[in-house]
């Protein structure tokens, strides 16, 4: 099964999204590593409410980690870096 089908309806979810989001600069970060081969791809959903509307950005990285915990921590780190670099522009 391809990465895209796992991420968008093919089942490959790690279940990490069941945890509450981590908040960073008014953004909600949901780490959602995707099982891939013998590891987990770095994936996170980033959301923020702007003018009463919840905006969403799906961050997918090429990084693959050997453990779920490492993938969660890496997803959070990379999402925070993206927010710090781009701010609200990630929703454009």
PDB file of N, CA and C in Angstrom:
ATOM      1  N   UNK A   1       0.858  -1.170   0.000  1.00  0.00           N
ATOM      2  CA  UNK A   1       0.000   0.000   0.000  1.00  0.00           C
ATOM      3  C   UNK A   1       0.900   1.227   0.000  1.00  0.00           C
ATOM      4  N   UNK A   2       0.584   2.216  -0.821  1.00  0.00           N
ATOM      5  CA  UNK A   2       1.420   3.404  -0.923  1.00  0.00           C
ATOM      6  C   UNK A   2       1.230   4.336   0.261  1.00  0.00           C
ATOM      7  N   UNK A   3       2.201   5.224   0.443  1.00  0.00           N
ATOM      8  CA  UNK A   3       2.132   6.211   1.524  1.00  0.00           C
ATOM      9  C   UNK A   3       0.862   7.041   1.404  1.00  0.00           C
ATOM     10  N   UNK A   4       0.519   7.450   0.208  1.00  0.00           N
ATOM     11  CA  UNK A   4      -0.637   8.336   0.018  1.00  0.00           C
ATOM     12  C   UNK A   4      -1.939   7.637   0.405  1.00  0.00           C
ATOM     13  N   UNK A   5      -2.074   6.373   0.040  1.00  0.00           N
ATOM     14  CA  UNK A   5      -3.312   5.680   0.405  1.00  0.00           C
ATOM     15  C   UNK A   5      -3.368   5.432   1.906  1.00  0.00           C
ATOM     16  N   UNK A   6      -2.218   5.237   2.550  1.00  0.00           N
ATOM     17  CA  UNK A   6      -2.206   5.080   3.997  1.00  0.00           C
ATOM     18  C   UNK A   6      -2.628   6.364   4.686  1.00  0.00           C
ATOM     19  N   UNK A   7      -2.125   7.489   4.181  1.00  0.00           N
ATOM     20  CA  UNK A   7      -2.414   8.773   4.804  1.00  0.00           C
ATOM     21  C   UNK A   7      -3.830   9.257   4.535  1.00  0.00           C
ATOM     22  N   UNK A   8      -4.360   8.912   3.381  1.00  0.00           N
ATOM     23  CA  UNK A   8      -5.661   9.458   2.996  1.00  0.00           C
ATOM     24  C   UNK A   8      -6.702   8.365   2.784  1.00  0.00           C
ATOM     25  N   UNK A   9      -6.844   7.515   3.803  1.00  0.00           N
ATOM     26  CA  UNK A   9      -7.952   6.584   3.782  1.00  0.00           C
ATOM     27  C   UNK A   9      -7.599   5.130   3.638  1.00  0.00           C
ATOM     28  N   UNK A  10      -6.338   4.778   3.551  1.00  0.00           N
ATOM     29  CA  UNK A  10      -5.984   3.387   3.378  1.00  0.00           C
ATOM     30  C   UNK A  10      -5.651   2.676   4.662  1.00  0.00           C
ATOM     31  N   UNK A  11      -5.780   3.252   5.795  1.00  0.00           N
ATOM     32  CA  UNK A  11      -5.496   2.662   7.099  1.00  0.00           C
ATOM     33  C   UNK A  11      -4.095   2.671   7.535  1.00  0.00           C
ATOM     34  N   UNK A  12      -3.202   2.883   7.785  1.00  0.00           N
ATOM     35  CA  UNK A  12      -1.824   2.933   8.207  1.00  0.00           C
ATOM     36  C   UNK A  12      -1.593   3.881   9.345  1.00  0.00           C
ATOM     37  N   UNK A  13      -2.644   4.277  10.005  1.00  0.00           N
ATOM     38  CA  UNK A  13      -2.509   5.229  11.096  1.00  0.00           C
ATOM     39  C   UNK A  13      -1.881   4.573  12.312  1.00  0.00           C
ATOM     40  N   UNK A  14      -1.059   5.329  12.996  1.00  0.00           N
ATOM     41  CA  UNK A  14      -0.393   4.812  14.181  1.00  0.00           C
ATOM     42  C   UNK A  14      -1.242   4.949  15.424  1.00  0.00           C
ATOM     43  N   UNK A  15      -2.321   5.721  15.364  1.00  0.00           N
ATOM     44  CA  UNK A  15      -3.137   5.956  16.533  1.00  0.00           C
ATOM     45  C   UNK A  15      -2.628   7.111  17.381  1.00  0.00           C
ATOM     46  N   UNK A  16      -1.542   7.752  16.963  1.00  0.00           N
ATOM     47  CA  UNK A  16      -0.953   8.841  17.738  1.00  0.00           C
ATOM     48  C   UNK A  16      -1.883  10.051  17.806  1.00  0.00           C
ATOM     49  N   UNK A  17      -2.794  10.195  16.848  1.00  0.00           N
ATOM     50  CA  UNK A  17      -3.665  11.358  16.817  1.00  0.00           C
ATOM     51  C   UNK A  17      -4.705  11.348  17.939  1.00  0.00           C
ATOM     52  N   UNK A  18      -4.826  10.226  18.656  1.00  0.00           N
ATOM     53  CA  UNK A  18      -5.787  10.152  19.754  1.00  0.00           C
ATOM     54  C   UNK A  18      -5.346  11.007  20.939  1.00  0.00           C
ATOM     55  N   UNK A  19      -4.071  11.347  21.001  1.00  0.00           N
ATOM     56  CA  UNK A  19      -3.538  12.170  22.087  1.00  0.00           C
ATOM     57  C   UNK A  19      -3.954  13.627  21.876  1.00  0.00           C
ATOM     58  N   UNK A  20      -4.034  14.396  22.971  1.00  0.00           N
ATOM     59  CA  UNK A  20      -4.350  15.812  22.812  1.00  0.00           C
ATOM     60  C   UNK A  20      -3.225  16.526  22.057  1.00  0.00           C
ATOM     61  N   UNK A  21      -3.558  17.608  21.369  1.00  0.00           N
ATOM     62  CA  UNK A  21      -2.528  18.296  20.582  1.00  0.00           C
ATOM     63  C   UNK A  21      -1.537  19.024  21.482  1.00  0.00           C
ATOM     64  N   UNK A  22      -0.365  19.263  20.945  1.00  0.00           N
ATOM     65  CA  UNK A  22       0.592  20.139  21.608  1.00  0.00           C
ATOM     66  C   UNK A  22       0.378  21.533  21.028  1.00  0.00           C
ATOM     67  N   UNK A  23       0.309  22.532  21.886  1.00  0.00           N
ATOM     68  CA  UNK A  23       0.069  23.909  21.451  1.00  0.00           C
ATOM     69  C   UNK A  23       1.407  24.624  21.338  1.00  0.00           C
ATOM     70  N   UNK A  24       1.614  25.299  20.204  1.00  0.00           N
ATOM     71  CA  UNK A  24       2.828  26.074  19.960  1.00  0.00           C
ATOM     72  C   UNK A  24       2.416  27.349  19.241  1.00  0.00           C
ATOM     73  N   UNK A  25       2.587  28.490  19.897  1.00  0.00           N
ATOM     74  CA  UNK A  25       2.256  29.795  19.305  1.00  0.00           C
ATOM     75  C   UNK A  25       0.834  29.826  18.739  1.00  0.00           C
ATOM     76  N   UNK A  26      -0.130  29.361  19.494  1.00  0.00           N
ATOM     77  CA  UNK A  26      -1.554  29.345  19.130  1.00  0.00           C
ATOM     78  C   UNK A  26      -1.897  28.326  18.044  1.00  0.00           C
ATOM     79  N   UNK A  27      -0.950  27.500  17.636  1.00  0.00           N
ATOM     80  CA  UNK A  27      -1.185  26.430  16.670  1.00  0.00           C
ATOM     81  C   UNK A  27      -1.348  25.128  17.445  1.00  0.00           C
ATOM     82  N   UNK A  28      -2.240  24.265  16.996  1.00  0.00           N
ATOM     83  CA  UNK A  28      -2.393  22.930  17.571  1.00  0.00           C
ATOM     84  C   UNK A  28      -1.653  21.944  16.677  1.00  0.00           C
ATOM     85  N   UNK A  29      -0.751  21.172  17.274  1.00  0.00           N
ATOM     86  CA  UNK A  29       0.033  20.197  16.520  1.00  0.00           C
ATOM     87  C   UNK A  29      -0.395  18.796  16.948  1.00  0.00           C
ATOM     88  N   UNK A  30      -0.828  18.008  15.972  1.00  0.00           N
ATOM     89  CA  UNK A  30      -1.219  16.619  16.191  1.00  0.00           C
ATOM     90  C   UNK A  30      -0.204  15.721  15.478  1.00  0.00           C
ATOM     91  N   UNK A  31       0.734  15.125  16.205  1.00  0.00           N
ATOM     92  CA  UNK A  31       1.658  14.213  15.531  1.00  0.00           C
ATOM     93  C   UNK A  31       0.904  12.969  15.072  1.00  0.00           C
ATOM     94  N   UNK A  32       1.071  12.598  13.807  1.00  0.00           N
ATOM     95  CA  UNK A  32       0.356  11.454  13.244  1.00  0.00           C
ATOM     96  C   UNK A  32       1.294  10.616  12.376  1.00  0.00           C
ATOM     97  N   UNK A  33       2.379  10.087  12.978  1.00  0.00           N
ATOM     98  CA  UNK A  33       3.314   9.288  12.177  1.00  0.00           C
ATOM     99  C   UNK A  33       2.597   8.162  11.436  1.00  0.00           C
ATOM    100  N   UNK A  34       3.058   7.906  10.224  1.00  0.00           N
ATOM    101  CA  UNK A  34       2.453   6.867   9.394  1.00  0.00           C
ATOM    102  C   UNK A  34       3.386   5.659   9.331  1.00  0.00           C
ATOM    103  N   UNK A  35       2.859   4.476   9.629  1.00  0.00           N
ATOM    104  CA  UNK A  35       3.643   3.238   9.544  1.00  0.00           C
ATOM    105  C   UNK A  35       4.078   3.053   8.105  1.00  0.00           C
ATOM    106  N   UNK A  36       5.376   2.830   7.936  1.00  0.00           N
ATOM    107  CA  UNK A  36       5.898   2.628   6.588  1.00  0.00           C
ATOM    108  C   UNK A  36       7.078   1.673   6.658  1.00  0.00           C
ATOM    109  N   UNK A  37       6.952   0.550   6.005  1.00  0.00           N
ATOM    110  CA  UNK A  37       8.018  -0.444   6.055  1.00  0.00           C
ATOM    111  C   UNK A  37       8.303  -0.841   7.489  1.00  0.00           C
ATOM    112  N   UNK A  38       9.572  -0.751   7.878  1.00  0.00           N
ATOM    113  CA  UNK A  38       9.964  -1.100   9.233  1.00  0.00           C
ATOM    114  C   UNK A  38      10.015   0.087  10.169  1.00  0.00           C
ATOM    115  N   UNK A  39       9.441   1.228   9.767  1.00  0.00           N
ATOM    116  CA  UNK A  39       9.506   2.427  10.603  1.00  0.00           C
ATOM    117  C   UNK A  39       8.249   3.269  10.500  1.00  0.00           C
ATOM    118  N   UNK A  40       8.414   4.547  10.836  1.00  0.00           N
ATOM    119  CA  UNK A  40       7.289   5.487  10.847  1.00  0.00           C
ATOM    120  C   UNK A  40       7.694   6.784  10.157  1.00  0.00           C
ATOM    121  N   UNK A  41       6.909   7.190   9.166  1.00  0.00           N
ATOM    122  CA  UNK A  41       7.154   8.446   8.463  1.00  0.00           C
ATOM    123  C   UNK A  41       6.727   9.613   9.359  1.00  0.00           C
ATOM    124  N   UNK A  42       7.491  10.698   9.320  1.00  0.00           N
ATOM    125  CA  UNK A  42       7.213  11.900  10.105  1.00  0.00           C
ATOM    126  C   UNK A  42       6.045  12.653   9.464  1.00  0.00           C
ATOM    127  N   UNK A  43       4.918  12.714  10.182  1.00  0.00           N
ATOM    128  CA  UNK A  43       3.699  13.348   9.699  1.00  0.00           C
ATOM    129  C   UNK A  43       3.037  14.062  10.870  1.00  0.00           C
ATOM    130  N   UNK A  44       2.500  15.253  10.619  1.00  0.00           N
ATOM    131  CA  UNK A  44       1.746  15.972  11.653  1.00  0.00           C
ATOM    132  C   UNK A  44       0.668  16.819  10.996  1.00  0.00           C
ATOM    133  N   UNK A  45      -0.413  16.976  11.714  1.00  0.00           N
ATOM    134  CA  UNK A  45      -1.497  17.874  11.306  1.00  0.00           C
ATOM    135  C   UNK A  45      -1.351  19.133  12.157  1.00  0.00           C
ATOM    136  N   UNK A  46      -1.349  20.292  11.488  1.00  0.00           N
ATOM    137  CA  UNK A  46      -1.212  21.573  12.179  1.00  0.00           C
ATOM    138  C   UNK A  46      -2.508  22.350  11.946  1.00  0.00           C
ATOM    139  N   UNK A  47      -3.113  22.827  13.038  1.00  0.00           N
ATOM    140  CA  UNK A  47      -4.368  23.573  12.937  1.00  0.00           C
ATOM    141  C   UNK A  47      -4.282  24.869  13.728  1.00  0.00           C
ATOM    142  N   UNK A  48      -5.055  25.848  13.278  1.00  0.00           N
ATOM    143  CA  UNK A  48      -5.181  27.109  14.002  1.00  0.00           C
ATOM    144  C   UNK A  48      -6.508  27.740  13.612  1.00  0.00           C
ATOM    145  N   UNK A  49      -7.190  28.310  14.600  1.00  0.00           N
ATOM    146  CA  UNK A  49      -8.430  29.022  14.311  1.00  0.00           C
ATOM    147  C   UNK A  49      -8.087  30.456  13.928  1.00  0.00           C
ATOM    148  N   UNK A  50      -8.532  30.847  12.741  1.00  0.00           N
ATOM    149  CA  UNK A  50      -8.306  32.194  12.217  1.00  0.00           C
ATOM    150  C   UNK A  50      -9.645  32.745  11.763  1.00  0.00           C
ATOM    151  N   UNK A  51     -10.045  33.869  12.350  1.00  0.00           N
ATOM    152  CA  UNK A  51     -11.326  34.514  12.020  1.00  0.00           C
ATOM    153  C   UNK A  51     -12.497  33.538  12.125  1.00  0.00           C
ATOM    154  N   UNK A  52     -12.491  32.710  13.158  1.00  0.00           N
ATOM    155  CA  UNK A  52     -13.592  31.791  13.406  1.00  0.00           C
ATOM    156  C   UNK A  52     -13.570  30.524  12.577  1.00  0.00           C
ATOM    157  N   UNK A  53     -12.566  30.359  11.734  1.00  0.00           N
ATOM    158  CA  UNK A  53     -12.461  29.174  10.877  1.00  0.00           C
ATOM    159  C   UNK A  53     -11.199  28.403  11.245  1.00  0.00           C
ATOM    160  N   UNK A  54     -11.313  27.090  11.388  1.00  0.00           N
ATOM    161  CA  UNK A  54     -10.147  26.269  11.688  1.00  0.00           C
ATOM    162  C   UNK A  54      -9.421  25.964  10.380  1.00  0.00           C
ATOM    163  N   UNK A  55      -8.178  26.431  10.310  1.00  0.00           N
ATOM    164  CA  UNK A  55      -7.324  26.168   9.146  1.00  0.00           C
ATOM    165  C   UNK A  55      -6.496  24.931   9.453  1.00  0.00           C
ATOM    166  N   UNK A  56      -6.152  24.179   8.418  1.00  0.00           N
ATOM    167  CA  UNK A  56      -5.425  22.915   8.597  1.00  0.00           C
ATOM    168  C   UNK A  56      -4.307  22.801   7.566  1.00  0.00           C
ATOM    169  N   UNK A  57      -3.164  22.315   8.033  1.00  0.00           N
ATOM    170  CA  UNK A  57      -2.037  22.009   7.153  1.00  0.00           C
ATOM    171  C   UNK A  57      -1.548  20.613   7.497  1.00  0.00           C
ATOM    172  N   UNK A  58      -1.415  19.754   6.507  1.00  0.00           N
ATOM    173  CA  UNK A  58      -0.896  18.406   6.708  1.00  0.00           C
ATOM    174  C   UNK A  58       0.580  18.395   6.322  1.00  0.00           C
ATOM    175  N   UNK A  59       1.447  18.227   7.316  1.00  0.00           N
ATOM    176  CA  UNK A  59       2.889  18.205   7.099  1.00  0.00           C
ATOM    177  C   UNK A  59       3.331  16.758   6.927  1.00  0.00           C
ATOM    178  N   UNK A  60       3.974  16.470   5.797  1.00  0.00           N
ATOM    179  CA  UNK A  60       4.500  15.136   5.517  1.00  0.00           C
ATOM    180  C   UNK A  60       5.964  15.311   5.149  1.00  0.00           C
ATOM    181  N   UNK A  61       6.838  14.629   5.858  1.00  0.00           N
ATOM    182  CA  UNK A  61       8.273  14.738   5.626  1.00  0.00           C
ATOM    183  C   UNK A  61       8.824  13.428   5.078  1.00  0.00           C
ATOM    184  N   UNK A  62       9.987  13.518   4.483  1.00  0.00           N
ATOM    185  CA  UNK A  62      10.653  12.333   3.947  1.00  0.00           C
ATOM    186  C   UNK A  62      11.269  11.484   5.056  1.00  0.00           C
ATOM    187  N   UNK A  63      11.456  12.075   6.246  1.00  0.00           N
ATOM    188  CA  UNK A  63      12.093  11.373   7.356  1.00  0.00           C
ATOM    189  C   UNK A  63      11.296  10.132   7.760  1.00  0.00           C
ATOM    190  N   UNK A  64      12.008   9.046   8.003  1.00  0.00           N
ATOM    191  CA  UNK A  64      11.407   7.826   8.547  1.00  0.00           C
ATOM    192  C   UNK A  64      12.205   7.453   9.795  1.00  0.00           C
ATOM    193  N   UNK A  65      11.507   7.268  10.899  1.00  0.00           N
ATOM    194  CA  UNK A  65      12.130   6.930  12.183  1.00  0.00           C
ATOM    195  C   UNK A  65      11.895   5.458  12.496  1.00  0.00           C
ATOM    196  N   UNK A  66      12.792   4.893  13.298  1.00  0.00           N
ATOM    197  CA  UNK A  66      12.682   3.468  13.607  1.00  0.00           C
ATOM    198  C   UNK A  66      11.616   3.159  14.645  1.00  0.00           C
ATOM    199  N   UNK A  67      11.300   4.128  15.532  1.00  0.00           N
ATOM    200  CA  UNK A  67      10.287   3.866  16.552  1.00  0.00           C
ATOM    201  C   UNK A  67       9.165   4.896  16.477  1.00  0.00           C
ATOM    202  N   UNK A  68       8.013   4.510  16.988  1.00  0.00           N
ATOM    203  CA  UNK A  68       6.866   5.408  17.010  1.00  0.00           C
ATOM    204  C   UNK A  68       7.162   6.632  17.877  1.00  0.00           C
ATOM    205  N   UNK A  69       7.748   6.430  19.044  1.00  0.00           N
ATOM    206  CA  UNK A  69       8.048   7.548  19.948  1.00  0.00           C
ATOM    207  C   UNK A  69       8.993   8.551  19.292  1.00  0.00           C
ATOM    208  N   UNK A  70      10.023   8.052  18.610  1.00  0.00           N
ATOM    209  CA  UNK A  70      10.955   8.934  17.907  1.00  0.00           C
ATOM    210  C   UNK A  70      10.229   9.709  16.808  1.00  0.00           C
ATOM    211  N   UNK A  71       9.334   9.041  16.088  1.00  0.00           N
ATOM    212  CA  UNK A  71       8.584   9.697  15.016  1.00  0.00           C
ATOM    213  C   UNK A  71       7.655  10.772  15.570  1.00  0.00           C
ATOM    214  N   UNK A  72       7.050  10.534  16.722  1.00  0.00           N
ATOM    215  CA  UNK A  72       6.184  11.532  17.350  1.00  0.00           C
ATOM    216  C   UNK A  72       7.001  12.761  17.736  1.00  0.00           C
ATOM    217  N   UNK A  73       8.136  12.537  18.398  1.00  0.00           N
ATOM    218  CA  UNK A  73       8.973  13.655  18.827  1.00  0.00           C
ATOM    219  C   UNK A  73       9.532  14.434  17.633  1.00  0.00           C
ATOM    220  N   UNK A  74       9.939  13.720  16.588  1.00  0.00           N
ATOM    221  CA  UNK A  74      10.461  14.371  15.380  1.00  0.00           C
ATOM    222  C   UNK A  74       9.355  15.148  14.676  1.00  0.00           C
ATOM    223  N   UNK A  75       8.151  14.588  14.631  1.00  0.00           N
ATOM    224  CA  UNK A  75       7.013  15.291  14.019  1.00  0.00           C
ATOM    225  C   UNK A  75       6.719  16.586  14.751  1.00  0.00           C
ATOM    226  N   UNK A  76       6.733  16.549  16.083  1.00  0.00           N
ATOM    227  CA  UNK A  76       6.504  17.764  16.871  1.00  0.00           C
ATOM    228  C   UNK A  76       7.602  18.797  16.613  1.00  0.00           C
ATOM    229  N   UNK A  77       8.842  18.359  16.618  1.00  0.00           N
ATOM    230  CA  UNK A  77       9.969  19.269  16.405  1.00  0.00           C
ATOM    231  C   UNK A  77       9.891  19.935  15.027  1.00  0.00           C
ATOM    232  N   UNK A  78       9.650  19.130  14.002  1.00  0.00           N
ATOM    233  CA  UNK A  78       9.594  19.669  12.635  1.00  0.00           C
ATOM    234  C   UNK A  78       8.388  20.592  12.449  1.00  0.00           C
ATOM    235  N   UNK A  79       7.267  20.262  13.073  1.00  0.00           N
ATOM    236  CA  UNK A  79       6.080  21.118  12.974  1.00  0.00           C
ATOM    237  C   UNK A  79       6.336  22.467  13.649  1.00  0.00           C
ATOM    238  N   UNK A  80       6.972  22.447  14.816  1.00  0.00           N
ATOM    239  CA  UNK A  80       7.302  23.703  15.505  1.00  0.00           C
ATOM    240  C   UNK A  80       8.246  24.556  14.662  1.00  0.00           C
ATOM    241  N   UNK A  81       9.222  23.929  14.038  1.00  0.00           N
ATOM    242  CA  UNK A  81      10.152  24.663  13.170  1.00  0.00           C
ATOM    243  C   UNK A  81       9.413  25.290  11.993  1.00  0.00           C
ATOM    244  N   UNK A  82       8.496  24.537  11.401  1.00  0.00           N
ATOM    245  CA  UNK A  82       7.711  25.052  10.279  1.00  0.00           C
ATOM    246  C   UNK A  82       6.868  26.248  10.710  1.00  0.00           C
ATOM    247  N   UNK A  83       6.244  26.148  11.877  1.00  0.00           N
ATOM    248  CA  UNK A  83       5.444  27.262  12.410  1.00  0.00           C
ATOM    249  C   UNK A  83       6.329  28.469  12.663  1.00  0.00           C
ATOM    250  N   UNK A  84       7.501  28.262  13.269  1.00  0.00           N
ATOM    251  CA  UNK A  84       8.421  29.361  13.545  1.00  0.00           C
ATOM    252  C   UNK A  84       8.884  30.046  12.266  1.00  0.00           C
ATOM    253  N   UNK A  85       9.091  29.281  11.209  1.00  0.00           N
ATOM    254  CA  UNK A  85       9.585  29.821   9.944  1.00  0.00           C
ATOM    255  C   UNK A  85       8.493  30.508   9.128  1.00  0.00           C
ATOM    256  N   UNK A  86       7.279  29.933   9.102  1.00  0.00           N
ATOM    257  CA  UNK A  86       6.255  30.408   8.171  1.00  0.00           C
ATOM    258  C   UNK A  86       5.033  31.030   8.836  1.00  0.00           C
ATOM    259  N   UNK A  87       4.785  30.733  10.095  1.00  0.00           N
ATOM    260  CA  UNK A  87       3.615  31.288  10.766  1.00  0.00           C
ATOM    261  C   UNK A  87       2.333  30.940  10.024  1.00  0.00           C
ATOM    262  N   UNK A  88       1.412  31.890   9.953  1.00  0.00           N
ATOM    263  CA  UNK A  88       0.116  31.658   9.295  1.00  0.00           C
ATOM    264  C   UNK A  88       0.235  31.380   7.797  1.00  0.00           C
ATOM    265  N   UNK A  89       1.380  31.672   7.201  1.00  0.00           N
ATOM    266  CA  UNK A  89       1.569  31.449   5.756  1.00  0.00           C
ATOM    267  C   UNK A  89       1.505  29.966   5.392  1.00  0.00           C
ATOM    268  N   UNK A  90       1.625  29.060   6.365  1.00  0.00           N
ATOM    269  CA  UNK A  90       1.532  27.630   6.028  1.00  0.00           C
ATOM    270  C   UNK A  90       0.144  27.264   5.512  1.00  0.00           C
ATOM    271  N   UNK A  91      -0.842  28.127   5.762  1.00  0.00           N
ATOM    272  CA  UNK A  91      -2.207  27.847   5.308  1.00  0.00           C
ATOM    273  C   UNK A  91      -2.514  28.440   3.933  1.00  0.00           C
ATOM    274  N   UNK A  92      -1.561  29.160   3.345  1.00  0.00           N
ATOM    275  CA  UNK A  92      -1.790  29.781   2.029  1.00  0.00           C
ATOM    276  C   UNK A  92      -1.678  28.764   0.917  1.00  0.00           C
TER     277      UNK A  92
END
